[in-house]
Amino acid sequence: MRNRLKVLRAERNWSQADLADKLDVSRQSVNAIETGKYDPSLPLAFKIAAVFGLAIEQIFSADEAAQAAE
């Protein structure tokens, strides 16, 4: 799964720790989501979307490789 988390965070001048505080998760969790090493749970994805005031689809999208395999 791809995401725009890093870009959205940078646009707001938030550190990973700032975003982690807003989401009530660890900074390491934010880093893992940003680098694609961890896909957030659906409740966390909704929370992320709410923090940025966007729809989940505006933040997360499927990998092209995964789509091509379908």
C-alpha atoms as a PDB file:
ATOM      1  CA  MET A   1       0.000   0.000   0.000  1.00  0.00           C
ATOM      2  CA  ARG A   2       1.297   3.447  -0.885  1.00  0.00           C
ATOM      3  CA  ASN A   3       0.558   6.578   1.086  1.00  0.00           C
ATOM      4  CA  ARG A   4       1.082  10.336   1.071  1.00  0.00           C
ATOM      5  CA  LEU A   5       1.647  10.561   4.819  1.00  0.00           C
ATOM      6  CA  LYS A   6       5.159  12.008   4.654  1.00  0.00           C
ATOM      7  CA  VAL A   7       4.131  14.705   2.156  1.00  0.00           C
ATOM      8  CA  LEU A   8       1.014  15.649   4.101  1.00  0.00           C
ATOM      9  CA  ARG A   9       2.987  15.792   7.332  1.00  0.00           C
ATOM     10  CA  ALA A  10       5.702  17.943   5.735  1.00  0.00           C
ATOM     11  CA  GLU A  11       3.106  20.364   4.332  1.00  0.00           C
ATOM     12  CA  ARG A  12       2.044  21.034   7.911  1.00  0.00           C
ATOM     13  CA  ASN A  13       5.608  21.179   9.273  1.00  0.00           C
ATOM     14  CA  TRP A  14       4.852  18.298  11.630  1.00  0.00           C
ATOM     15  CA  SER A  15       7.560  15.931  12.779  1.00  0.00           C
ATOM     16  CA  GLN A  16       6.866  12.217  12.971  1.00  0.00           C
ATOM     17  CA  ALA A  17       6.620  12.688  16.743  1.00  0.00           C
ATOM     18  CA  ASP A  18       4.022  15.460  16.290  1.00  0.00           C
ATOM     19  CA  LEU A  19       1.859  13.219  14.126  1.00  0.00           C
ATOM     20  CA  ALA A  20       2.365  10.270  16.463  1.00  0.00           C
ATOM     21  CA  ASP A  21       1.086  12.383  19.366  1.00  0.00           C
ATOM     22  CA  LYS A  22      -2.015  13.372  17.379  1.00  0.00           C
ATOM     23  CA  LEU A  23      -2.684   9.715  16.536  1.00  0.00           C
ATOM     24  CA  ASP A  24      -1.747   8.316  19.957  1.00  0.00           C
ATOM     25  CA  VAL A  25       0.800   5.931  18.424  1.00  0.00           C
ATOM     26  CA  SER A  26       4.592   5.722  18.584  1.00  0.00           C
ATOM     27  CA  ARG A  27       6.887   7.697  16.302  1.00  0.00           C
ATOM     28  CA  GLN A  28       8.188   4.346  15.092  1.00  0.00           C
ATOM     29  CA  SER A  29       4.671   3.433  13.958  1.00  0.00           C
ATOM     30  CA  VAL A  30       4.427   6.630  11.918  1.00  0.00           C
ATOM     31  CA  ASN A  31       7.824   5.893  10.374  1.00  0.00           C
ATOM     32  CA  ALA A  32       6.814   2.308   9.527  1.00  0.00           C
ATOM     33  CA  ILE A  33       3.597   3.497   7.852  1.00  0.00           C
ATOM     34  CA  GLU A  34       5.429   6.207   5.887  1.00  0.00           C
ATOM     35  CA  THR A  35       8.060   3.778   4.606  1.00  0.00           C
ATOM     36  CA  GLY A  36       5.497   1.123   3.677  1.00  0.00           C
ATOM     37  CA  LYS A  37       6.744  -1.403   6.212  1.00  0.00           C
ATOM     38  CA  TYR A  38       3.397  -1.422   8.033  1.00  0.00           C
ATOM     39  CA  ASP A  39      -0.157  -0.980   6.816  1.00  0.00           C
ATOM     40  CA  PRO A  40      -2.333   0.709   9.424  1.00  0.00           C
ATOM     41  CA  SER A  41      -5.450  -0.934  10.775  1.00  0.00           C
ATOM     42  CA  LEU A  42      -8.722   0.406   9.418  1.00  0.00           C
ATOM     43  CA  PRO A  43      -9.471   2.337  12.647  1.00  0.00           C
ATOM     44  CA  LEU A  44      -6.005   3.925  12.513  1.00  0.00           C
ATOM     45  CA  ALA A  45      -6.439   4.767   8.822  1.00  0.00           C
ATOM     46  CA  PHE A  46      -9.709   6.539   9.680  1.00  0.00           C
ATOM     47  CA  LYS A  47      -7.938   8.400  12.496  1.00  0.00           C
ATOM     48  CA  ILE A  48      -5.147   9.474  10.131  1.00  0.00           C
ATOM     49  CA  ALA A  49      -7.697  10.699   7.605  1.00  0.00           C
ATOM     50  CA  ALA A  50      -9.515  12.673  10.310  1.00  0.00           C
ATOM     51  CA  VAL A  51      -6.296  14.327  11.514  1.00  0.00           C
ATOM     52  CA  PHE A  52      -5.596  15.552   7.977  1.00  0.00           C
ATOM     53  CA  GLY A  53      -9.248  16.292   7.163  1.00  0.00           C
ATOM     54  CA  LEU A  54      -9.127  14.038   4.108  1.00  0.00           C
ATOM     55  CA  ALA A  55     -10.763  10.855   2.870  1.00  0.00           C
ATOM     56  CA  ILE A  56      -8.763   7.663   3.360  1.00  0.00           C
ATOM     57  CA  GLU A  57      -8.497   7.324  -0.426  1.00  0.00           C
ATOM     58  CA  GLN A  58      -6.753  10.708  -0.596  1.00  0.00           C
ATOM     59  CA  ILE A  59      -3.979   9.376   1.667  1.00  0.00           C
ATOM     60  CA  PHE A  60      -3.691   5.662   0.880  1.00  0.00           C
ATOM     61  CA  SER A  61      -3.694   3.776  -2.423  1.00  0.00           C
ATOM     62  CA  ALA A  62      -2.890   0.246  -3.559  1.00  0.00           C
ATOM     63  CA  ASP A  63       0.564  -0.524  -4.952  1.00  0.00           C
ATOM     64  CA  GLU A  64       0.664  -0.656  -8.742  1.00  0.00           C
ATOM     65  CA  ALA A  65       2.400  -4.054  -8.555  1.00  0.00           C
ATOM     66  CA  ALA A  66      -0.423  -5.447  -6.447  1.00  0.00           C
ATOM     67  CA  GLN A  67      -3.013  -4.057  -8.874  1.00  0.00           C
ATOM     68  CA  ALA A  68      -1.182  -5.536 -11.867  1.00  0.00           C
ATOM     69  CA  ALA A  69      -1.232  -8.991 -10.255  1.00  0.00           C
ATOM     70  CA  GLU A  70      -5.027  -8.928  -9.903  1.00  0.00           C
END
